[in-house]
Amino acid sequence: MYFMRKESVVAKKKFGQNFLKDQTVLQKIVEAMPKNDNKIVEIGPGLGDLTKFLVDVKSVEAFEVDTDLCKLLQNEFKEEIATKRLHIHCGDVLKVWKSSLVDEPYDLVANLPYYIATNIILKALADPMCKNILVMVQLEVAEKFCAQAGEKVFGSLGIITQSVGNAHIVVKVPPTAFEPPPKINSAVFLMQKKKDRPEKDFEDMLRVSFSQPRKTLMKNLSSKYDKTILLEIFSSLELIQTIRPHQVSTNNYHQLYKQIKGSLDGRRESGS
């Protein structure tokens, strides 16, 4: 039977493949892993360069969409598969990911394909079995998840992150760490979950809040909610009417949502 050699693999653009080769970065990812008994889930193991580090530490559930790479990984990791240190799922992870991806507590540790990275992270945030997220993504995406109120990149992703737990950038990674090198900078960031992802209505309010980031928060929210109610809420929270969406803290967004929801519920009950 013929097996593809790692040296002959050509990255496929349709899968957003950029293989992480820098051994120092790989080691830093492993060192940053939370110390616990959780299983590891790796999405997009590629050539297995990170996988080989992970299986030395814990058992790994790997999800790979590229059937050619699945065959390569099954050949490269015969022993780990036989001893159940590694289980490879071939196919699109998003098609099999229901409320939980696996049926036990796990940490997501991966060099994620950039074209679906944000979607995967948001799925992991909503997955009650996912406890920690340690992933490589493009730098600007990592900065949005790790942003603090007042920073220009602070938005919905930063607020959702802070609502769930906390996050920080572990290491920034240049294009030269990959083969082929991408045209953008990357970063590894760690997100430690402490709560469940906020309810959908709260995230819907965030989308309205940041619909036009350069406009004031009042202007954006007024496109959906009664301005009279908003003026009262802003006053109670001591928020000035000219404040921009990125200048408002996560706690204040939750207070805004709570009071807007309370006002809307009150109106429904009174029939007005």
Foldseek 3Di string as FASTA:
>chain_A
DDADDPVPDDDDVVQLDWAQADPVVLVLLVVPDDDDQAEEEEEACQQVPSVVVRLVPAAYEYEHADPNSVRNVCVVPVPCVVVRSYDYHYHDQVVCQDLASDDAAYEYRYAHRAVCVVVVVVSLLQRPSYFKYKYKYFPLVLCQLQDFFPDLSDALNVLQLVVFFHKDWSDKAAQVSIVVRDPGIMTIMMGGGDHHGDDPVLSVLRCQQVVPQVAASLVSNVVPAPSVQVVVQCVVVVHDRRHGSSNDGSVSSVSSSVSRVVVVVVCVVVVD
